Amino acid sequence: MVKKPAIAVVPGPEHAEGLPIKMLNDRILVSIDTAEGERRSSGGILIPATAQMGKRLTWAEVIATGPNVRTMELGDQVLFNPEDRYEVEVRGLDYIILRERDVHAVAARRLEEGSTGLYL
């Protein structure tokens, strides 16, 4: 009988607590705010959810990342094109799977409360 080598335990990718899904490679699991319906313009005009807009990018929160994701962390807000997405339902909640290369911008909350962000 050939003995198999022991498998080394490697820290896995980041994911939200209790989420039964593991992202692979450069994939990112994000959650968008479902209450994005109607919104107001800067002039106060109410824009209905059914209004046709040009290519409009969408913000979402990072819920889980694959092991090869380099530029995002859990809780970051990412900007992406809603046409470049795959939707998935996990435990009754809707999420979106993106590739890292499909994200246009990252808005991170990395400054502590009370921090000025200045190097003094």
Protein backbone atom coordinates (compact mmCIF):
# COMPACT_ATOMS: atom_id res chain seq x y z
CA MET A 1 0.00 0.00 0.00
CA VAL A 2 1.37 3.39 -1.05
CA LYS A 3 1.19 6.03 1.62
CA LYS A 4 -0.05 9.42 0.44
CA PRO A 5 1.89 12.50 1.58
CA ALA A 6 0.23 14.66 4.21
CA ILE A 7 -1.59 17.70 2.89
CA ALA A 8 -0.31 20.97 4.27
CA VAL A 9 -2.95 23.27 5.67
CA VAL A 10 -2.70 26.58 3.85
CA PRO A 11 -4.65 29.64 5.00
CA GLY A 12 -7.64 29.95 2.71
CA PRO A 13 -9.09 32.97 0.97
CA GLU A 14 -10.97 35.58 2.90
CA HIS A 15 -14.72 35.08 3.30
CA ALA A 16 -17.55 36.26 5.47
CA GLU A 17 -18.29 34.29 8.61
CA GLY A 18 -20.61 31.34 8.12
CA LEU A 19 -20.74 31.62 4.33
CA PRO A 20 -20.73 28.08 2.85
CA ILE A 21 -18.87 29.07 -0.31
CA LYS A 22 -15.19 29.23 -1.25
CA MET A 23 -14.19 31.57 -4.05
CA LEU A 24 -11.56 30.32 -6.50
CA ASN A 25 -8.70 32.08 -8.30
CA ASP A 26 -9.40 35.79 -8.93
CA ARG A 27 -13.14 35.61 -8.22
CA ILE A 28 -14.90 38.04 -5.87
CA LEU A 29 -18.31 37.60 -4.24
CA VAL A 30 -20.10 40.92 -3.75
CA SER A 31 -23.43 42.07 -2.39
CA ILE A 32 -25.31 45.05 -3.82
CA ASP A 33 -27.91 47.13 -2.04
CA THR A 34 -31.28 45.86 -3.28
CA ALA A 35 -32.95 49.16 -2.35
CA GLU A 36 -31.31 50.91 -5.30
CA GLY A 37 -34.70 51.61 -6.90
CA GLU A 38 -35.65 55.24 -7.24
CA ARG A 39 -33.04 57.91 -6.68
CA ARG A 40 -32.82 61.69 -6.81
CA SER A 41 -30.65 63.80 -9.08
CA SER A 42 -28.50 66.58 -7.63
CA GLY A 43 -31.25 69.02 -8.70
CA GLY A 44 -33.88 67.10 -6.69
CA ILE A 45 -35.60 65.36 -9.62
CA LEU A 46 -36.92 61.88 -8.78
CA ILE A 47 -35.53 59.27 -11.22
CA PRO A 48 -37.62 56.06 -11.30
CA ALA A 49 -35.91 52.65 -11.24
CA THR A 50 -37.33 51.89 -14.69
CA ALA A 51 -35.60 54.88 -16.35
CA GLN A 52 -33.17 53.88 -19.08
CA MET A 53 -29.66 55.07 -18.37
CA GLY A 54 -26.48 54.81 -20.38
CA LYS A 55 -23.73 52.54 -19.14
CA ARG A 56 -23.88 53.17 -15.41
CA LEU A 57 -21.44 51.51 -13.03
CA THR A 58 -22.62 50.03 -9.72
CA TRP A 59 -21.10 49.91 -6.21
CA ALA A 60 -21.11 46.69 -4.16
CA GLU A 61 -19.54 45.37 -0.95
CA VAL A 62 -16.93 42.58 -1.06
CA ILE A 63 -18.23 39.53 0.84
CA ALA A 64 -15.59 36.91 -0.14
CA THR A 65 -12.40 36.78 -2.20
CA GLY A 66 -10.47 34.03 -3.95
CA PRO A 67 -6.83 33.22 -3.10
CA ASN A 68 -5.43 35.16 -6.09
CA VAL A 69 -7.23 38.45 -5.40
CA ARG A 70 -4.57 41.06 -4.62
CA THR A 71 -6.23 44.46 -4.46
CA MET A 72 -9.41 43.94 -2.42
CA GLU A 73 -10.31 42.98 1.14
CA LEU A 74 -13.53 42.04 2.89
CA GLY A 75 -15.78 45.05 3.38
CA ASP A 76 -14.28 47.11 0.55
CA GLN A 77 -16.69 48.86 -1.81
CA VAL A 78 -16.02 48.02 -5.48
CA LEU A 79 -17.24 49.72 -8.65
CA PHE A 80 -18.17 47.45 -11.57
CA ASN A 81 -20.25 47.28 -14.75
CA PRO A 82 -23.53 45.48 -13.91
CA GLU A 83 -23.51 43.83 -17.35
CA ASP A 84 -20.28 41.92 -16.51
CA ARG A 85 -21.65 39.74 -13.72
CA TYR A 86 -22.96 36.34 -12.69
CA GLU A 87 -25.73 36.18 -10.10
CA VAL A 88 -25.90 33.45 -7.46
CA GLU A 89 -28.20 32.77 -4.51
CA VAL A 90 -26.67 31.56 -1.24
CA ARG A 91 -28.94 30.83 1.74
CA GLY A 92 -31.74 32.89 0.22
CA LEU A 93 -29.59 35.98 -0.40
CA ASP A 94 -28.55 37.22 -3.84
CA TYR A 95 -24.87 37.81 -4.56
CA ILE A 96 -22.80 38.61 -7.63
CA ILE A 97 -19.60 36.88 -8.73
CA LEU A 98 -17.01 39.05 -10.47
CA ARG A 99 -13.45 38.65 -11.67
CA GLU A 100 -10.85 40.97 -10.18
CA ARG A 101 -10.14 42.40 -13.64
CA ASP A 102 -13.82 43.44 -14.03
CA VAL A 103 -13.61 45.83 -11.06
CA HIS A 104 -13.00 49.45 -12.06
CA ALA A 105 -12.32 51.00 -8.63
CA VAL A 106 -12.02 50.13 -4.93
CA ALA A 107 -13.15 52.41 -2.09
CA ALA A 108 -11.55 51.04 1.07
CA ARG A 109 -12.36 51.97 4.66
CA ARG A 110 -8.83 51.63 5.98
CA LEU A 111 -8.54 54.80 8.09
CA GLU A 112 -9.31 54.41 11.77
CA GLU A 113 -11.92 56.58 13.46
CA GLY A 114 -10.34 59.83 14.58
CA SER A 115 -7.43 59.43 12.18
CA THR A 116 -6.67 62.44 10.01
CA GLY A 117 -4.89 60.42 7.36
CA LEU A 118 -1.91 62.77 7.56
CA TYR A 119 1.65 61.77 8.29
CA LEU A 120 2.72 64.23 10.98
